[in-house]
Amino acid sequence: EDDTEWITVKGAHIPIKKGENKDEVVKSFLAKQGGGEKKKTDKPSGSLSNQSEGELIKSIKAGSKDFKDWYRSEKNEKEYAEIERRNKEVPKPKRPEGAGGTIFQDDPNAISKYETKIKYLEDVGDYWKKITKFPARDYHTRPTQLGDAKYYEMSNNSANLNTTRKQLAKVKTRKESGATLERKVTYKGGKPRFYYKENPKEGTSETINFDGIFDNVLNALRKETK
């Protein structure tokens, strides 16, 4: 008596002999046909969530060294979208009170305000370092896509940070020297504006004009008497 059982899998008839495990036989058959179950360690087909940022960028470049081939398109839209999704998960630093707006040089709290602003700009710089930059710039989405905005935001923040540090150093130097600022009105461009004239501490011979040029009065007098 033949105890063989025949079953149909994907249009093929396969025998299940007595004592054999039906599931194992089917699994073995599918594996030979290339349709077997994938190992748990295999990445799901089409899944991008398990890929690193480097792998996503590599996929966008697709082996090409020409940056024109890296532009955002239908073939790499999913990779670009995944990079941006991760970028938006990076927590952005909150602007503290006193870190925004104009800081006037004659403000008695100028030093503390500059220090607060510098700390904030440093945090902003660290934030942008964590953002993954798109392989190619997309000028159409720049205002809304962090991966594209990183190109210019990093540069702007760095320039702003350097300027603020210089302004802080100037205020500290002035405070140490005992000099004071005097606001002077000007009508450049037909509109009333003000500029600073820096007056040295009483007893010194040096006057500093608002444009930062040093005019040593004592030396000037000596030259005139020669």
N, C-alpha and C. Protein backbone atom coordinates (compact mmCIF):
# COMPACT_ATOMS: atom_id res chain seq x y z
N GLU A 1 0.85 -1.20 0.00
CA GLU A 1 0.00 0.00 0.00
C GLU A 1 0.89 1.24 0.00
N ASP A 2 0.58 2.15 -0.90
CA ASP A 2 1.38 3.37 -1.01
C ASP A 2 0.81 4.42 -0.06
N ASP A 3 1.64 4.82 0.95
CA ASP A 3 1.19 5.81 1.93
C ASP A 3 1.64 7.22 1.55
N THR A 4 2.09 7.41 0.33
CA THR A 4 2.55 8.73 -0.11
C THR A 4 1.36 9.66 -0.34
N GLU A 5 1.47 10.86 0.20
CA GLU A 5 0.43 11.88 0.01
C GLU A 5 0.97 12.92 -0.95
N TRP A 6 0.16 13.29 -1.91
CA TRP A 6 0.58 14.29 -2.89
C TRP A 6 -0.15 15.61 -2.63
N ILE A 7 0.62 16.66 -2.63
CA ILE A 7 0.02 17.99 -2.47
C ILE A 7 0.49 18.89 -3.60
N THR A 8 -0.27 19.94 -3.84
CA THR A 8 0.08 20.88 -4.92
C THR A 8 0.55 22.19 -4.31
N VAL A 9 1.74 22.61 -4.69
CA VAL A 9 2.32 23.87 -4.22
C VAL A 9 2.81 24.65 -5.43
N LYS A 10 2.24 25.82 -5.64
CA LYS A 10 2.63 26.67 -6.78
C LYS A 10 2.55 25.92 -8.10
N GLY A 11 1.50 25.11 -8.22
CA GLY A 11 1.27 24.39 -9.46
C GLY A 11 2.07 23.11 -9.62
N ALA A 12 2.90 22.81 -8.64
CA ALA A 12 3.72 21.59 -8.72
C ALA A 12 3.20 20.56 -7.73
N HIS A 13 3.24 19.29 -8.15
CA HIS A 13 2.81 18.19 -7.28
C HIS A 13 4.04 17.64 -6.56
N ILE A 14 4.01 17.67 -5.26
CA ILE A 14 5.14 17.15 -4.50
C ILE A 14 4.65 16.06 -3.54
N PRO A 15 5.46 15.03 -3.39
CA PRO A 15 5.05 13.90 -2.54
C PRO A 15 5.42 14.12 -1.07
N ILE A 16 4.53 13.68 -0.21
CA ILE A 16 4.79 13.69 1.22
C ILE A 16 4.74 12.23 1.68
N LYS A 17 5.92 11.69 1.93
CA LYS A 17 5.98 10.29 2.33
C LYS A 17 5.58 10.12 3.79
N LYS A 18 5.23 8.93 4.13
CA LYS A 18 4.80 8.63 5.48
C LYS A 18 5.93 8.93 6.47
N GLY A 19 5.60 9.66 7.50
CA GLY A 19 6.59 10.01 8.52
C GLY A 19 7.26 11.35 8.29
N GLU A 20 7.09 11.91 7.10
CA GLU A 20 7.72 13.21 6.81
C GLU A 20 6.84 14.36 7.33
N ASN A 21 7.50 15.41 7.72
CA ASN A 21 6.79 16.60 8.18
C ASN A 21 6.39 17.43 6.97
N LYS A 22 5.09 17.62 6.81
CA LYS A 22 4.58 18.31 5.62
C LYS A 22 5.14 19.73 5.51
N ASP A 23 5.17 20.46 6.64
CA ASP A 23 5.65 21.85 6.61
C ASP A 23 7.12 21.93 6.19
N GLU A 24 7.92 20.97 6.68
CA GLU A 24 9.34 20.97 6.34
C GLU A 24 9.55 20.66 4.87
N VAL A 25 8.76 19.74 4.34
CA VAL A 25 8.88 19.38 2.92
C VAL A 25 8.51 20.57 2.04
N VAL A 26 7.43 21.25 2.41
CA VAL A 26 7.00 22.43 1.63
C VAL A 26 8.05 23.53 1.70
N LYS A 27 8.59 23.74 2.89
CA LYS A 27 9.60 24.78 3.07
C LYS A 27 10.85 24.48 2.24
N SER A 28 11.24 23.20 2.22
CA SER A 28 12.41 22.78 1.44
C SER A 28 12.16 22.98 -0.05
N PHE A 29 10.95 22.66 -0.48
CA PHE A 29 10.61 22.82 -1.89
C PHE A 29 10.65 24.29 -2.31
N LEU A 30 10.07 25.15 -1.47
CA LEU A 30 10.04 26.59 -1.78
C LEU A 30 11.44 27.19 -1.80
N ALA A 31 12.30 26.70 -0.90
CA ALA A 31 13.67 27.20 -0.85
C ALA A 31 14.40 26.89 -2.14
N LYS A 32 14.17 25.67 -2.68
CA LYS A 32 14.81 25.28 -3.94
C LYS A 32 14.28 26.11 -5.11
N GLN A 33 13.03 26.54 -4.99
CA GLN A 33 12.43 27.34 -6.05
C GLN A 33 12.76 28.84 -5.94
N GLY A 34 13.49 29.18 -4.86
CA GLY A 34 13.86 30.59 -4.66
C GLY A 34 12.78 31.39 -3.98
N GLY A 35 11.79 30.71 -3.44
CA GLY A 35 10.70 31.43 -2.78
C GLY A 35 10.61 31.12 -1.32
N GLY A 36 11.67 30.58 -0.76
CA GLY A 36 11.65 30.20 0.65
C GLY A 36 11.60 31.39 1.58
N GLU A 37 11.31 31.14 2.82
CA GLU A 37 11.25 32.21 3.81
C GLU A 37 12.64 32.77 4.05
N LYS A 38 12.73 34.07 4.21
CA LYS A 38 14.01 34.72 4.47
C LYS A 38 14.39 34.55 5.92
N LYS A 39 15.66 34.52 6.16
CA LYS A 39 16.14 34.45 7.53
C LYS A 39 15.77 35.73 8.26
N LYS A 40 15.63 35.62 9.54
CA LYS A 40 15.24 36.78 10.34
C LYS A 40 16.29 37.87 10.31
N THR A 41 17.52 37.49 10.00
CA THR A 41 18.59 38.48 9.97
C THR A 41 18.58 39.28 8.67
N ASP A 42 17.86 38.77 7.64
CA ASP A 42 17.79 39.49 6.38
C ASP A 42 16.95 40.74 6.54
N LYS A 43 17.33 41.82 5.85
CA LYS A 43 16.54 43.04 5.89
C LYS A 43 15.32 42.88 5.00
N PRO A 44 14.16 43.30 5.43
CA PRO A 44 12.96 43.20 4.61
C PRO A 44 13.15 43.94 3.29
N SER A 45 12.66 43.34 2.22
CA SER A 45 12.81 43.95 0.91
C SER A 45 12.10 45.29 0.89
N GLY A 46 12.79 46.32 0.43
CA GLY A 46 12.19 47.65 0.32
C GLY A 46 12.17 48.43 1.61
N SER A 47 12.62 47.84 2.72
CA SER A 47 12.60 48.54 4.00
C SER A 47 13.83 49.42 4.13
N LEU A 48 13.63 50.67 4.55
CA LEU A 48 14.74 51.62 4.69
C LEU A 48 15.02 51.97 6.14
N SER A 49 14.08 51.64 7.02
CA SER A 49 14.21 52.05 8.42
C SER A 49 15.40 51.43 9.13
N ASN A 50 15.86 50.27 8.64
CA ASN A 50 16.99 49.60 9.29
C ASN A 50 18.34 49.99 8.69
N GLN A 51 18.31 50.79 7.64
CA GLN A 51 19.56 51.18 6.98
C GLN A 51 20.16 52.41 7.68
N SER A 52 21.47 52.47 7.68
CA SER A 52 22.16 53.63 8.25
C SER A 52 22.08 54.80 7.27
N GLU A 53 22.42 56.00 7.76
CA GLU A 53 22.42 57.17 6.87
C GLU A 53 23.42 56.97 5.73
N GLY A 54 24.54 56.35 6.05
CA GLY A 54 25.55 56.09 5.02
C GLY A 54 25.03 55.16 3.94
N GLU A 55 24.27 54.16 4.34
CA GLU A 55 23.70 53.22 3.37
C GLU A 55 22.65 53.90 2.50
N LEU A 56 21.87 54.79 3.10
CA LEU A 56 20.86 55.51 2.34
C LEU A 56 21.50 56.41 1.29
N ILE A 57 22.57 57.10 1.70
CA ILE A 57 23.28 57.99 0.76
C ILE A 57 23.94 57.17 -0.34
N LYS A 58 24.49 56.03 0.02
CA LYS A 58 25.12 55.15 -0.97
C LYS A 58 24.09 54.67 -1.98
N SER A 59 22.89 54.38 -1.50
CA SER A 59 21.82 53.94 -2.38
C SER A 59 21.41 55.05 -3.34
N ILE A 60 21.38 56.30 -2.85
CA ILE A 60 21.02 57.44 -3.70
C ILE A 60 22.07 57.64 -4.79
N LYS A 61 23.33 57.53 -4.42
CA LYS A 61 24.41 57.73 -5.39
C LYS A 61 24.48 56.59 -6.40
N ALA A 62 24.09 55.40 -5.97
CA ALA A 62 24.02 54.23 -6.86
C ALA A 62 25.31 54.00 -7.64
N GLY A 63 26.43 54.24 -7.00
CA GLY A 63 27.72 53.97 -7.63
C GLY A 63 28.20 55.05 -8.58
N SER A 64 27.41 56.10 -8.78
CA SER A 64 27.80 57.17 -9.70
C SER A 64 28.60 58.25 -8.97
N LYS A 65 29.61 58.79 -9.64
CA LYS A 65 30.41 59.87 -9.08
C LYS A 65 29.96 61.23 -9.58
N ASP A 66 28.99 61.24 -10.48
CA ASP A 66 28.45 62.48 -11.03
C ASP A 66 27.31 62.97 -10.14
N PHE A 67 27.50 64.13 -9.50
CA PHE A 67 26.49 64.63 -8.56
C PHE A 67 25.14 64.86 -9.23
N LYS A 68 25.13 65.03 -10.54
CA LYS A 68 23.87 65.24 -11.25
C LYS A 68 22.98 64.00 -11.17
N ASP A 69 23.60 62.85 -10.99
CA ASP A 69 22.84 61.60 -10.87
C ASP A 69 22.26 61.43 -9.47
N TRP A 70 22.67 62.29 -8.55
CA TRP A 70 22.21 62.17 -7.16
C TRP A 70 20.99 63.04 -6.87
N TYR A 71 20.58 63.84 -7.86
CA TYR A 71 19.44 64.72 -7.64
C TYR A 71 18.20 63.93 -7.24
N ARG A 72 17.37 64.55 -6.46
CA ARG A 72 16.14 63.91 -6.00
C ARG A 72 15.24 63.59 -7.18
N SER A 73 14.76 62.36 -7.23
CA SER A 73 13.90 61.92 -8.32
C SER A 73 13.01 60.78 -7.84
N GLU A 74 12.21 60.25 -8.73
CA GLU A 74 11.30 59.15 -8.36
C GLU A 74 12.08 57.92 -7.90
N LYS A 75 13.24 57.69 -8.49
CA LYS A 75 13.98 56.47 -8.17
C LYS A 75 14.64 56.51 -6.78
N ASN A 76 14.86 57.71 -6.23
CA ASN A 76 15.50 57.79 -4.90
C ASN A 76 14.67 58.59 -3.89
N GLU A 77 13.43 58.87 -4.24
CA GLU A 77 12.57 59.68 -3.36
C GLU A 77 12.41 59.06 -1.98
N LYS A 78 12.29 57.74 -1.92
CA LYS A 78 12.09 57.07 -0.63
C LYS A 78 13.31 57.24 0.28
N GLU A 79 14.51 57.19 -0.31
CA GLU A 79 15.73 57.37 0.48
C GLU A 79 15.82 58.80 1.01
N TYR A 80 15.52 59.77 0.14
CA TYR A 80 15.54 61.17 0.57
C TYR A 80 14.52 61.41 1.69
N ALA A 81 13.33 60.82 1.52
CA ALA A 81 12.27 61.00 2.52
C ALA A 81 12.66 60.37 3.86
N GLU A 82 13.35 59.24 3.82
CA GLU A 82 13.77 58.58 5.05
C GLU A 82 14.82 59.41 5.78
N ILE A 83 15.75 59.99 5.02
CA ILE A 83 16.77 60.85 5.63
C ILE A 83 16.11 62.05 6.31
N GLU A 84 15.14 62.65 5.63
CA GLU A 84 14.46 63.83 6.19
C GLU A 84 13.62 63.45 7.41
N ARG A 85 13.02 62.27 7.38
CA ARG A 85 12.22 61.82 8.53
C ARG A 85 13.09 61.75 9.78
N ARG A 86 14.30 61.22 9.63
CA ARG A 86 15.23 61.13 10.76
C ARG A 86 15.71 62.51 11.20
N ASN A 87 15.93 63.38 10.22
CA ASN A 87 16.37 64.74 10.55
C ASN A 87 15.36 65.45 11.44
N LYS A 88 14.09 65.26 11.15
CA LYS A 88 13.03 65.94 11.90
C LYS A 88 12.88 65.40 13.32
N GLU A 89 13.48 64.24 13.58
CA GLU A 89 13.43 63.67 14.92
C GLU A 89 14.52 64.23 15.84
N VAL A 90 15.48 64.94 15.25
CA VAL A 90 16.56 65.54 16.05
C VAL A 90 16.00 66.75 16.80
N PRO A 91 16.09 66.77 18.13
CA PRO A 91 15.53 67.90 18.90
C PRO A 91 16.28 69.20 18.62
N LYS A 92 15.51 70.24 18.34
CA LYS A 92 16.10 71.54 18.04
C LYS A 92 16.20 72.37 19.32
N PRO A 93 17.32 73.06 19.54
CA PRO A 93 17.48 73.87 20.76
C PRO A 93 16.51 75.04 20.78
N LYS A 94 15.98 75.33 21.95
CA LYS A 94 15.07 76.45 22.10
C LYS A 94 15.86 77.74 22.35
N ARG A 95 15.39 78.80 21.70
CA ARG A 95 16.06 80.08 21.88
C ARG A 95 15.74 80.66 23.26
N PRO A 96 16.75 80.87 24.10
CA PRO A 96 16.49 81.42 25.43
C PRO A 96 16.21 82.92 25.37
N GLU A 97 15.61 83.44 26.40
CA GLU A 97 15.33 84.87 26.47
C GLU A 97 16.64 85.65 26.49
N GLY A 98 16.72 86.65 25.64
CA GLY A 98 17.93 87.46 25.57
C GLY A 98 18.89 87.03 24.47
N ALA A 99 18.57 85.91 23.79
CA ALA A 99 19.47 85.43 22.73
C ALA A 99 19.07 85.94 21.35
N GLY A 100 17.96 86.64 21.28
CA GLY A 100 17.52 87.15 19.99
C GLY A 100 17.45 88.66 19.98
N GLY A 101 17.29 89.23 18.80
CA GLY A 101 17.19 90.68 18.69
C GLY A 101 18.54 91.38 18.77
N THR A 102 18.49 92.70 18.68
CA THR A 102 19.71 93.50 18.69
C THR A 102 20.22 93.71 20.11
N ILE A 103 21.51 93.55 20.29
CA ILE A 103 22.15 93.83 21.57
C ILE A 103 22.96 95.11 21.41
N PHE A 104 22.59 96.15 22.13
CA PHE A 104 23.28 97.42 22.00
C PHE A 104 24.55 97.43 22.84
N GLN A 105 25.58 98.03 22.27
CA GLN A 105 26.88 98.06 22.92
C GLN A 105 26.85 98.78 24.27
N ASP A 106 25.96 99.75 24.42
CA ASP A 106 25.91 100.50 25.67
C ASP A 106 24.90 99.93 26.67
N ASP A 107 24.36 98.77 26.36
CA ASP A 107 23.44 98.09 27.28
C ASP A 107 24.24 97.62 28.49
N PRO A 108 23.84 97.97 29.71
CA PRO A 108 24.58 97.54 30.90
C PRO A 108 24.64 96.01 31.05
N ASN A 109 23.70 95.31 30.40
CA ASN A 109 23.67 93.85 30.46
C ASN A 109 24.19 93.21 29.17
N ALA A 110 24.94 93.99 28.39
CA ALA A 110 25.41 93.50 27.09
C ALA A 110 26.25 92.24 27.21
N ILE A 111 27.13 92.18 28.19
CA ILE A 111 28.03 91.02 28.33
C ILE A 111 27.23 89.74 28.57
N SER A 112 26.31 89.76 29.51
CA SER A 112 25.51 88.56 29.81
C SER A 112 24.63 88.18 28.62
N LYS A 113 24.12 89.19 27.90
CA LYS A 113 23.29 88.91 26.73
C LYS A 113 24.10 88.27 25.61
N TYR A 114 25.32 88.78 25.40
CA TYR A 114 26.19 88.19 24.38
C TYR A 114 26.56 86.76 24.75
N GLU A 115 26.85 86.52 26.01
CA GLU A 115 27.22 85.18 26.46
C GLU A 115 26.06 84.20 26.28
N THR A 116 24.85 84.66 26.56
CA THR A 116 23.67 83.83 26.36
C THR A 116 23.48 83.51 24.88
N LYS A 117 23.68 84.52 24.05
CA LYS A 117 23.52 84.34 22.61
C LYS A 117 24.58 83.38 22.06
N ILE A 118 25.80 83.50 22.53
CA ILE A 118 26.88 82.62 22.08
C ILE A 118 26.58 81.17 22.44
N LYS A 119 26.12 80.94 23.67
CA LYS A 119 25.78 79.58 24.10
C LYS A 119 24.69 79.00 23.21
N TYR A 120 23.70 79.81 22.89
CA TYR A 120 22.60 79.36 22.03
C TYR A 120 23.11 79.03 20.63
N LEU A 121 23.95 79.90 20.06
CA LEU A 121 24.48 79.66 18.72
C LEU A 121 25.36 78.41 18.68
N GLU A 122 26.07 78.14 19.76
CA GLU A 122 26.88 76.92 19.84
C GLU A 122 25.97 75.68 19.84
N ASP A 123 24.85 75.78 20.56
CA ASP A 123 23.88 74.67 20.58
C ASP A 123 23.26 74.47 19.20
N VAL A 124 23.00 75.57 18.51
CA VAL A 124 22.45 75.49 17.16
C VAL A 124 23.45 74.81 16.23
N GLY A 125 24.73 75.15 16.38
CA GLY A 125 25.77 74.52 15.57
C GLY A 125 25.83 73.02 15.81
N ASP A 126 25.72 72.61 17.08
CA ASP A 126 25.71 71.18 17.41
C ASP A 126 24.50 70.49 16.81
N TYR A 127 23.38 71.20 16.79
CA TYR A 127 22.15 70.64 16.21
C TYR A 127 22.33 70.34 14.73
N TRP A 128 22.89 71.31 14.00
CA TRP A 128 23.06 71.12 12.56
C TRP A 128 24.10 70.06 12.23
N LYS A 129 25.03 69.83 13.13
CA LYS A 129 26.00 68.76 12.92
C LYS A 129 25.34 67.39 12.93
N LYS A 130 24.23 67.28 13.65
CA LYS A 130 23.51 66.01 13.75
C LYS A 130 22.57 65.78 12.56
N ILE A 131 22.32 66.83 11.80
CA ILE A 131 21.44 66.72 10.64
C ILE A 131 22.21 66.09 9.48
N THR A 132 21.59 65.12 8.82
CA THR A 132 22.22 64.47 7.67
C THR A 132 21.98 65.30 6.42
N LYS A 133 23.05 65.70 5.79
CA LYS A 133 22.96 66.54 4.59
C LYS A 133 22.60 65.69 3.37
N PHE A 134 21.71 66.21 2.54
CA PHE A 134 21.36 65.51 1.31
C PHE A 134 22.58 65.40 0.41
N PRO A 135 22.72 64.30 -0.34
CA PRO A 135 23.86 64.15 -1.26
C PRO A 135 23.92 65.27 -2.30
N ALA A 136 22.76 65.71 -2.75
CA ALA A 136 22.70 66.79 -3.74
C ALA A 136 21.70 67.84 -3.28
N ARG A 137 21.98 69.09 -3.55
CA ARG A 137 21.10 70.17 -3.11
C ARG A 137 19.82 70.18 -3.93
N ASP A 138 18.74 70.48 -3.24
CA ASP A 138 17.43 70.58 -3.89
C ASP A 138 16.91 71.99 -3.61
N TYR A 139 17.14 72.88 -4.54
CA TYR A 139 16.83 74.29 -4.31
C TYR A 139 15.32 74.55 -4.20
N HIS A 140 14.51 73.62 -4.69
CA HIS A 140 13.06 73.82 -4.64
C HIS A 140 12.50 73.57 -3.24
N THR A 141 13.13 72.68 -2.49
CA THR A 141 12.61 72.33 -1.16
C THR A 141 13.46 72.91 -0.04
N ARG A 142 14.44 73.73 -0.37
CA ARG A 142 15.38 74.24 0.63
C ARG A 142 14.73 74.87 1.86
N PRO A 143 13.67 75.67 1.71
CA PRO A 143 13.09 76.29 2.90
C PRO A 143 12.46 75.29 3.87
N THR A 144 12.09 74.12 3.39
CA THR A 144 11.36 73.18 4.24
C THR A 144 12.12 71.90 4.57
N GLN A 145 13.15 71.57 3.81
CA GLN A 145 13.87 70.31 4.01
C GLN A 145 15.18 70.55 4.77
N LEU A 146 15.29 69.96 5.95
CA LEU A 146 16.49 70.15 6.78
C LEU A 146 17.74 69.63 6.09
N GLY A 147 17.60 68.52 5.36
CA GLY A 147 18.75 67.93 4.69
C GLY A 147 19.34 68.83 3.63
N ASP A 148 18.53 69.73 3.10
CA ASP A 148 19.00 70.69 2.11
C ASP A 148 19.41 71.99 2.77
N ALA A 149 18.69 72.38 3.82
CA ALA A 149 18.98 73.63 4.52
C ALA A 149 20.34 73.61 5.20
N LYS A 150 20.84 72.43 5.53
CA LYS A 150 22.12 72.33 6.25
C LYS A 150 23.25 73.00 5.48
N TYR A 151 23.17 72.99 4.15
CA TYR A 151 24.23 73.57 3.33
C TYR A 151 24.51 75.02 3.72
N TYR A 152 23.46 75.81 3.93
CA TYR A 152 23.67 77.24 4.22
C TYR A 152 23.46 77.59 5.68
N GLU A 153 22.67 76.82 6.41
CA GLU A 153 22.43 77.12 7.83
C GLU A 153 23.70 76.98 8.65
N MET A 154 24.51 75.97 8.37
CA MET A 154 25.77 75.78 9.10
C MET A 154 26.69 76.96 8.88
N SER A 155 26.79 77.42 7.64
CA SER A 155 27.66 78.54 7.30
C SER A 155 27.18 79.84 7.95
N ASN A 156 25.87 80.09 7.87
CA ASN A 156 25.30 81.31 8.46
C ASN A 156 25.48 81.34 9.97
N ASN A 157 25.24 80.20 10.60
CA ASN A 157 25.35 80.14 12.06
C ASN A 157 26.80 80.34 12.50
N SER A 158 27.73 79.76 11.76
CA SER A 158 29.15 79.91 12.08
C SER A 158 29.59 81.37 11.97
N ALA A 159 29.14 82.06 10.92
CA ALA A 159 29.48 83.47 10.73
C ALA A 159 28.87 84.32 11.85
N ASN A 160 27.64 84.03 12.21
CA ASN A 160 26.96 84.76 13.28
C ASN A 160 27.66 84.55 14.61
N LEU A 161 28.10 83.32 14.85
CA LEU A 161 28.80 83.00 16.10
C LEU A 161 30.12 83.75 16.20
N ASN A 162 30.88 83.78 15.11
CA ASN A 162 32.16 84.49 15.11
C ASN A 162 31.97 85.99 15.35
N THR A 163 30.95 86.57 14.71
CA THR A 163 30.67 88.00 14.88
C THR A 163 30.29 88.32 16.33
N THR A 164 29.45 87.47 16.91
CA THR A 164 29.00 87.69 18.29
C THR A 164 30.15 87.57 19.27
N ARG A 165 31.06 86.63 19.04
CA ARG A 165 32.23 86.49 19.91
C ARG A 165 33.11 87.74 19.85
N LYS A 166 33.27 88.30 18.66
CA LYS A 166 34.07 89.52 18.52
C LYS A 166 33.40 90.69 19.24
N GLN A 167 32.08 90.77 19.13
CA GLN A 167 31.36 91.85 19.81
C GLN A 167 31.49 91.74 21.32
N LEU A 168 31.43 90.52 21.83
CA LEU A 168 31.60 90.30 23.26
C LEU A 168 33.00 90.72 23.71
N ALA A 169 34.00 90.34 22.93
CA ALA A 169 35.38 90.69 23.27
C ALA A 169 35.57 92.20 23.30
N LYS A 170 34.90 92.90 22.36
CA LYS A 170 35.01 94.36 22.29
C LYS A 170 34.40 95.01 23.54
N VAL A 171 33.24 94.50 23.95
CA VAL A 171 32.57 95.06 25.14
C VAL A 171 33.40 94.81 26.39
N LYS A 172 33.98 93.62 26.50
CA LYS A 172 34.80 93.30 27.67
C LYS A 172 36.05 94.17 27.74
N THR A 173 36.68 94.38 26.58
CA THR A 173 37.88 95.22 26.52
C THR A 173 37.56 96.65 26.93
N ARG A 174 36.43 97.13 26.45
CA ARG A 174 36.02 98.50 26.78
C ARG A 174 35.75 98.64 28.27
N LYS A 175 35.11 97.63 28.84
CA LYS A 175 34.80 97.67 30.27
C LYS A 175 36.08 97.66 31.10
N GLU A 176 37.05 96.85 30.68
CA GLU A 176 38.32 96.76 31.41
C GLU A 176 39.10 98.06 31.33
N SER A 177 38.98 98.76 30.20
CA SER A 177 39.72 100.01 30.03
C SER A 177 39.04 101.19 30.72
N GLY A 178 37.78 101.00 31.09
CA GLY A 178 37.05 102.09 31.75
C GLY A 178 36.46 103.09 30.79
N ALA A 179 36.52 102.79 29.47
CA ALA A 179 35.97 103.71 28.47
C ALA A 179 34.44 103.67 28.50
N THR A 180 33.82 104.75 28.03
CA THR A 180 32.36 104.83 27.98
C THR A 180 31.92 105.15 26.56
N LEU A 181 30.67 104.80 26.24
CA LEU A 181 30.12 105.08 24.92
C LEU A 181 29.16 106.25 24.98
N GLU A 182 29.21 107.06 23.93
CA GLU A 182 28.31 108.20 23.82
C GLU A 182 27.58 108.09 22.49
N ARG A 183 26.26 108.15 22.53
CA ARG A 183 25.48 108.05 21.30
C ARG A 183 25.47 109.40 20.58
N LYS A 184 25.77 109.35 19.28
CA LYS A 184 25.75 110.53 18.44
C LYS A 184 24.74 110.32 17.32
N VAL A 185 24.01 111.37 16.99
CA VAL A 185 22.99 111.26 15.95
C VAL A 185 23.58 111.59 14.59
N THR A 186 23.19 110.83 13.58
CA THR A 186 23.59 111.10 12.21
C THR A 186 22.35 110.95 11.32
N TYR A 187 22.40 111.57 10.14
CA TYR A 187 21.26 111.51 9.24
C TYR A 187 21.67 110.87 7.91
N LYS A 188 22.44 109.82 7.99
CA LYS A 188 22.86 109.11 6.78
C LYS A 188 21.65 108.51 6.09
N GLY A 189 21.55 108.74 4.77
CA GLY A 189 20.42 108.19 4.03
C GLY A 189 19.13 108.96 4.25
N GLY A 190 19.25 110.12 4.90
CA GLY A 190 18.06 110.94 5.12
C GLY A 190 17.23 110.53 6.31
N LYS A 191 17.68 109.51 7.04
CA LYS A 191 16.94 109.05 8.21
C LYS A 191 17.79 109.21 9.46
N PRO A 192 17.16 109.62 10.55
CA PRO A 192 17.94 109.77 11.79
C PRO A 192 18.43 108.43 12.31
N ARG A 193 19.71 108.34 12.55
CA ARG A 193 20.31 107.13 13.10
C ARG A 193 21.32 107.56 14.16
N PHE A 194 21.83 106.60 14.89
CA PHE A 194 22.85 106.97 15.87
C PHE A 194 24.06 106.07 15.72
N TYR A 195 25.18 106.60 16.14
CA TYR A 195 26.41 105.83 16.16
C TYR A 195 27.07 106.08 17.50
N TYR A 196 28.08 105.29 17.80
CA TYR A 196 28.75 105.41 19.09
C TYR A 196 30.08 106.15 18.96
N LYS A 197 30.31 107.00 19.92
CA LYS A 197 31.63 107.58 20.08
C LYS A 197 32.17 107.04 21.40
N GLU A 198 33.34 106.46 21.34
CA GLU A 198 33.91 105.85 22.55
C GLU A 198 34.85 106.84 23.23
N ASN A 199 34.51 107.19 24.44
CA ASN A 199 35.32 108.13 25.21
C ASN A 199 36.19 107.36 26.20
N PRO A 200 37.50 107.64 26.18
CA PRO A 200 38.39 106.92 27.09
C PRO A 200 38.18 107.32 28.54
N LYS A 201 38.71 106.54 29.40
CA LYS A 201 38.64 106.85 30.83
C LYS A 201 39.37 108.17 31.09
N GLU A 202 38.83 108.97 31.96
CA GLU A 202 39.43 110.28 32.25
C GLU A 202 40.88 110.11 32.69
N GLY A 203 41.75 110.93 32.09
CA GLY A 203 43.17 110.86 32.44
C GLY A 203 44.01 110.20 31.38
N THR A 204 43.35 109.59 30.35
CA THR A 204 44.10 108.99 29.25
C THR A 204 44.12 109.96 28.09
N SER A 205 45.02 109.73 27.14
CA SER A 205 45.19 110.67 26.03
C SER A 205 44.65 110.12 24.73
N GLU A 206 43.90 109.05 24.81
CA GLU A 206 43.46 108.38 23.58
C GLU A 206 41.96 108.50 23.41
N THR A 207 41.52 108.89 22.24
CA THR A 207 40.11 108.96 21.92
C THR A 207 39.81 107.95 20.83
N ILE A 208 38.76 107.18 21.02
CA ILE A 208 38.40 106.15 20.03
C ILE A 208 37.09 106.56 19.37
N ASN A 209 37.09 106.75 18.07
CA ASN A 209 35.89 107.12 17.35
C ASN A 209 35.01 105.90 17.12
N PHE A 210 33.77 106.16 16.71
CA PHE A 210 32.80 105.09 16.56
C PHE A 210 33.22 104.05 15.53
N ASP A 211 34.04 104.43 14.55
CA ASP A 211 34.43 103.48 13.51
C ASP A 211 35.64 102.66 13.92
N GLY A 212 36.08 102.81 15.16
CA GLY A 212 37.16 101.97 15.67
C GLY A 212 38.54 102.47 15.35
N ILE A 213 38.70 103.68 14.77
CA ILE A 213 40.03 104.21 14.43
C ILE A 213 40.60 104.93 15.64
N PHE A 214 41.85 104.61 15.99
CA PHE A 214 42.49 105.22 17.15
C PHE A 214 43.16 106.53 16.73
N ASP A 215 42.89 107.58 17.51
CA ASP A 215 43.49 108.89 17.23
C ASP A 215 44.19 109.33 18.50
N ASN A 216 45.49 109.14 18.52
CA ASN A 216 46.25 109.49 19.72
C ASN A 216 46.51 111.00 19.74
N VAL A 217 45.77 111.68 20.59
CA VAL A 217 45.84 113.14 20.64
C VAL A 217 47.23 113.62 21.04
N LEU A 218 47.84 112.95 21.99
CA LEU A 218 49.14 113.37 22.48
C LEU A 218 50.19 113.30 21.38
N ASN A 219 50.19 112.21 20.62
CA ASN A 219 51.15 112.07 19.53
C ASN A 219 50.92 113.11 18.46
N ALA A 220 49.66 113.43 18.20
CA ALA A 220 49.34 114.43 17.19
C ALA A 220 49.88 115.79 17.60
N LEU A 221 49.75 116.14 18.86
CA LEU A 221 50.25 117.42 19.35
C LEU A 221 51.77 117.48 19.26
N ARG A 222 52.42 116.37 19.54
CA ARG A 222 53.88 116.34 19.47
C ARG A 222 54.37 116.58 18.05
N LYS A 223 53.64 116.00 17.07
CA LYS A 223 54.04 116.17 15.68
C LYS A 223 53.89 117.62 15.25
N GLU A 224 52.85 118.28 15.75
CA GLU A 224 52.61 119.67 15.36
C GLU A 224 53.68 120.61 15.93
N THR A 225 54.25 120.26 17.06
CA THR A 225 55.24 121.13 17.70
C THR A 225 56.64 120.92 17.15
N LYS A 226 56.84 119.86 16.34
CA LYS A 226 58.18 119.60 15.79
C LYS A 226 58.47 120.50 14.61
